[in-house]
């Protein structure tokens, strides 16, 4: 499994976890939502941002390698 495929799979797991964790928030009224509803989702959300940035870096690296090979 390549690093790119692994990061895509990891992003899908993170997105699924965030959706499951935040699903009760969508059923509440706006007044009833508090910080404690988001506590379990903050860490995975920040990790997801890091994985997404890593994915973008991998794509840029692959494009640079392709450009160098074409020269």
N, C-alpha and C. Protein backbone atom coordinates (compact mmCIF):
# COMPACT_ATOMS: atom_id res chain seq x y z
N UNK A 1 0.85 -1.17 0.00
CA UNK A 1 0.00 0.00 0.00
C UNK A 1 0.89 1.24 0.00
N UNK A 2 0.60 2.13 -0.89
CA UNK A 2 1.41 3.33 -0.97
C UNK A 2 1.00 4.32 0.12
N UNK A 3 1.86 5.26 0.32
CA UNK A 3 1.61 6.27 1.36
C UNK A 3 0.39 7.12 1.03
N UNK A 4 0.18 7.38 -0.24
CA UNK A 4 -0.97 8.18 -0.68
C UNK A 4 -2.27 7.44 -0.38
N UNK A 5 -2.33 6.16 -0.69
CA UNK A 5 -3.53 5.37 -0.40
C UNK A 5 -3.80 5.28 1.10
N UNK A 6 -2.73 5.12 1.86
CA UNK A 6 -2.89 5.04 3.31
C UNK A 6 -3.46 6.33 3.88
N UNK A 7 -3.00 7.47 3.39
CA UNK A 7 -3.52 8.74 3.91
C UNK A 7 -4.98 8.95 3.50
N UNK A 8 -5.37 8.49 2.32
CA UNK A 8 -6.77 8.60 1.91
C UNK A 8 -7.65 7.76 2.83
N UNK A 9 -7.23 6.54 3.11
CA UNK A 9 -7.99 5.66 4.00
C UNK A 9 -8.07 6.26 5.40
N UNK A 10 -6.97 6.80 5.88
CA UNK A 10 -6.96 7.43 7.21
C UNK A 10 -7.89 8.63 7.25
N UNK A 11 -7.90 9.43 6.19
CA UNK A 11 -8.83 10.57 6.12
C UNK A 11 -10.29 10.11 6.15
N UNK A 12 -10.59 9.02 5.47
CA UNK A 12 -11.95 8.50 5.49
C UNK A 12 -12.35 8.03 6.88
N UNK A 13 -11.44 7.37 7.60
CA UNK A 13 -11.74 6.93 8.96
C UNK A 13 -11.95 8.13 9.88
N UNK A 14 -11.13 9.14 9.74
CA UNK A 14 -11.27 10.33 10.58
C UNK A 14 -12.59 11.03 10.29
N UNK A 15 -12.93 11.17 9.02
CA UNK A 15 -14.19 11.81 8.65
C UNK A 15 -15.38 11.03 9.20
N UNK A 16 -15.33 9.70 9.10
CA UNK A 16 -16.41 8.87 9.63
C UNK A 16 -16.52 9.02 11.14
N UNK A 17 -15.39 9.01 11.84
CA UNK A 17 -15.42 9.17 13.29
C UNK A 17 -16.00 10.53 13.69
N UNK A 18 -15.61 11.58 12.96
CA UNK A 18 -16.15 12.91 13.26
C UNK A 18 -17.66 12.97 13.03
N UNK A 19 -18.12 12.35 11.97
CA UNK A 19 -19.57 12.35 11.70
C UNK A 19 -20.33 11.60 12.79
N UNK A 20 -19.80 10.47 13.24
CA UNK A 20 -20.46 9.71 14.29
C UNK A 20 -20.43 10.47 15.61
N UNK A 21 -19.30 11.10 15.92
CA UNK A 21 -19.16 11.83 17.17
C UNK A 21 -20.05 13.07 17.20
N UNK A 22 -20.16 13.75 16.09
CA UNK A 22 -20.93 15.00 16.06
C UNK A 22 -22.40 14.81 15.68
N UNK A 23 -22.83 13.60 15.38
CA UNK A 23 -24.22 13.40 14.98
C UNK A 23 -25.23 13.83 16.06
N UNK A 24 -24.98 13.63 17.36
CA UNK A 24 -25.95 14.12 18.35
C UNK A 24 -26.07 15.64 18.38
N UNK A 25 -25.04 16.35 17.96
CA UNK A 25 -25.07 17.81 17.97
C UNK A 25 -26.11 18.32 16.97
N UNK A 26 -26.25 17.62 15.85
CA UNK A 26 -27.17 18.07 14.82
C UNK A 26 -28.64 17.91 15.22
N UNK A 27 -28.91 17.08 16.22
CA UNK A 27 -30.29 16.89 16.65
C UNK A 27 -30.69 17.86 17.77
N UNK A 28 -29.74 18.60 18.32
CA UNK A 28 -30.02 19.53 19.41
C UNK A 28 -30.42 20.90 18.88
N UNK A 29 -31.08 21.65 19.74
CA UNK A 29 -31.36 23.05 19.43
C UNK A 29 -30.07 23.84 19.56
N UNK A 30 -30.02 24.97 18.92
CA UNK A 30 -28.82 25.80 18.94
C UNK A 30 -28.49 26.28 20.35
N UNK A 31 -29.48 26.49 21.17
CA UNK A 31 -29.26 26.95 22.55
C UNK A 31 -28.64 25.87 23.43
N UNK A 32 -28.91 24.62 23.12
CA UNK A 32 -28.47 23.51 23.97
C UNK A 32 -27.07 23.01 23.66
N UNK A 33 -26.45 23.49 22.61
CA UNK A 33 -25.12 23.03 22.22
C UNK A 33 -24.08 23.70 23.11
N UNK A 34 -23.14 22.89 23.63
CA UNK A 34 -22.09 23.43 24.49
C UNK A 34 -20.74 22.86 24.07
N UNK A 35 -19.70 23.31 24.76
CA UNK A 35 -18.33 22.88 24.47
C UNK A 35 -18.19 21.37 24.67
N UNK A 36 -18.85 20.82 25.67
CA UNK A 36 -18.69 19.40 25.97
C UNK A 36 -19.18 18.52 24.82
N UNK A 37 -20.04 19.04 23.96
CA UNK A 37 -20.48 18.27 22.80
C UNK A 37 -19.36 18.10 21.77
N UNK A 38 -18.41 19.01 21.77
CA UNK A 38 -17.33 18.98 20.78
C UNK A 38 -16.01 18.45 21.35
N UNK A 39 -15.96 18.15 22.63
CA UNK A 39 -14.70 17.74 23.25
C UNK A 39 -14.07 16.53 22.58
N UNK A 40 -14.87 15.52 22.28
CA UNK A 40 -14.33 14.30 21.69
C UNK A 40 -13.95 14.46 20.23
N UNK A 41 -14.39 15.53 19.60
CA UNK A 41 -14.12 15.70 18.17
C UNK A 41 -12.96 16.64 17.88
N UNK A 42 -12.49 17.37 18.87
CA UNK A 42 -11.42 18.35 18.63
C UNK A 42 -10.12 17.68 18.22
N UNK A 43 -9.71 16.67 18.95
CA UNK A 43 -8.45 15.97 18.65
C UNK A 43 -8.45 15.32 17.27
N UNK A 44 -9.47 14.51 16.96
CA UNK A 44 -9.51 13.91 15.62
C UNK A 44 -9.63 14.95 14.51
N UNK A 45 -10.31 16.05 14.77
CA UNK A 45 -10.42 17.10 13.75
C UNK A 45 -9.04 17.69 13.45
N UNK A 46 -8.28 17.99 14.48
CA UNK A 46 -6.94 18.54 14.27
C UNK A 46 -6.02 17.51 13.62
N UNK A 47 -6.16 16.24 13.99
CA UNK A 47 -5.38 15.19 13.34
C UNK A 47 -5.76 15.07 11.87
N UNK A 48 -7.04 15.21 11.59
CA UNK A 48 -7.50 15.15 10.20
C UNK A 48 -6.91 16.27 9.37
N UNK A 49 -6.80 17.46 9.96
CA UNK A 49 -6.18 18.58 9.25
C UNK A 49 -4.72 18.25 8.94
N UNK A 50 -4.03 17.66 9.91
CA UNK A 50 -2.63 17.28 9.70
C UNK A 50 -2.48 16.22 8.61
N UNK A 51 -3.36 15.24 8.62
CA UNK A 51 -3.31 14.19 7.59
C UNK A 51 -3.63 14.78 6.22
N UNK A 52 -4.59 15.69 6.16
CA UNK A 52 -4.93 16.33 4.90
C UNK A 52 -3.76 17.15 4.36
N UNK A 53 -3.08 17.88 5.22
CA UNK A 53 -1.90 18.64 4.79
C UNK A 53 -0.80 17.70 4.30
N UNK A 54 -0.65 16.56 4.96
CA UNK A 54 0.32 15.56 4.52
C UNK A 54 -0.06 15.03 3.14
N UNK A 55 -1.34 14.80 2.91
CA UNK A 55 -1.82 14.32 1.61
C UNK A 55 -1.51 15.33 0.51
N UNK A 56 -1.74 16.60 0.80
CA UNK A 56 -1.44 17.64 -0.18
C UNK A 56 0.06 17.68 -0.47
N UNK A 57 0.89 17.51 0.55
CA UNK A 57 2.34 17.50 0.35
C UNK A 57 2.76 16.32 -0.52
N UNK A 58 2.14 15.17 -0.34
CA UNK A 58 2.45 14.00 -1.15
C UNK A 58 2.10 14.25 -2.61
N UNK A 59 0.95 14.86 -2.84
CA UNK A 59 0.53 15.15 -4.22
C UNK A 59 1.50 16.12 -4.88
N UNK A 60 1.90 17.18 -4.16
CA UNK A 60 2.86 18.13 -4.71
C UNK A 60 4.19 17.47 -5.01
N UNK A 61 4.61 16.57 -4.13
CA UNK A 61 5.88 15.88 -4.33
C UNK A 61 5.82 15.00 -5.58
N UNK A 62 4.69 14.32 -5.78
CA UNK A 62 4.54 13.48 -6.96
C UNK A 62 4.55 14.32 -8.24
N UNK A 63 3.91 15.48 -8.21
CA UNK A 63 3.90 16.35 -9.39
C UNK A 63 5.31 16.84 -9.71
N UNK A 64 6.09 17.19 -8.67
CA UNK A 64 7.46 17.64 -8.91
C UNK A 64 8.32 16.52 -9.49
N UNK A 65 8.12 15.31 -9.03
CA UNK A 65 8.87 14.17 -9.55
C UNK A 65 8.51 13.95 -11.02
N UNK A 66 7.22 14.05 -11.34
CA UNK A 66 6.79 13.87 -12.73
C UNK A 66 7.38 14.95 -13.64
N UNK A 67 7.43 16.18 -13.16
CA UNK A 67 8.00 17.28 -13.95
C UNK A 67 9.48 17.03 -14.21
N UNK A 68 10.19 16.57 -13.19
CA UNK A 68 11.62 16.32 -13.35
C UNK A 68 11.88 15.16 -14.30
N UNK A 69 10.99 14.17 -14.29
CA UNK A 69 11.17 13.03 -15.19
C UNK A 69 10.89 13.41 -16.63
N UNK A 70 10.00 14.36 -16.84
CA UNK A 70 9.66 14.79 -18.20
C UNK A 70 10.73 15.68 -18.81
N UNK A 71 11.56 16.27 -18.00
CA UNK A 71 12.63 17.13 -18.53
C UNK A 71 13.73 16.28 -19.03
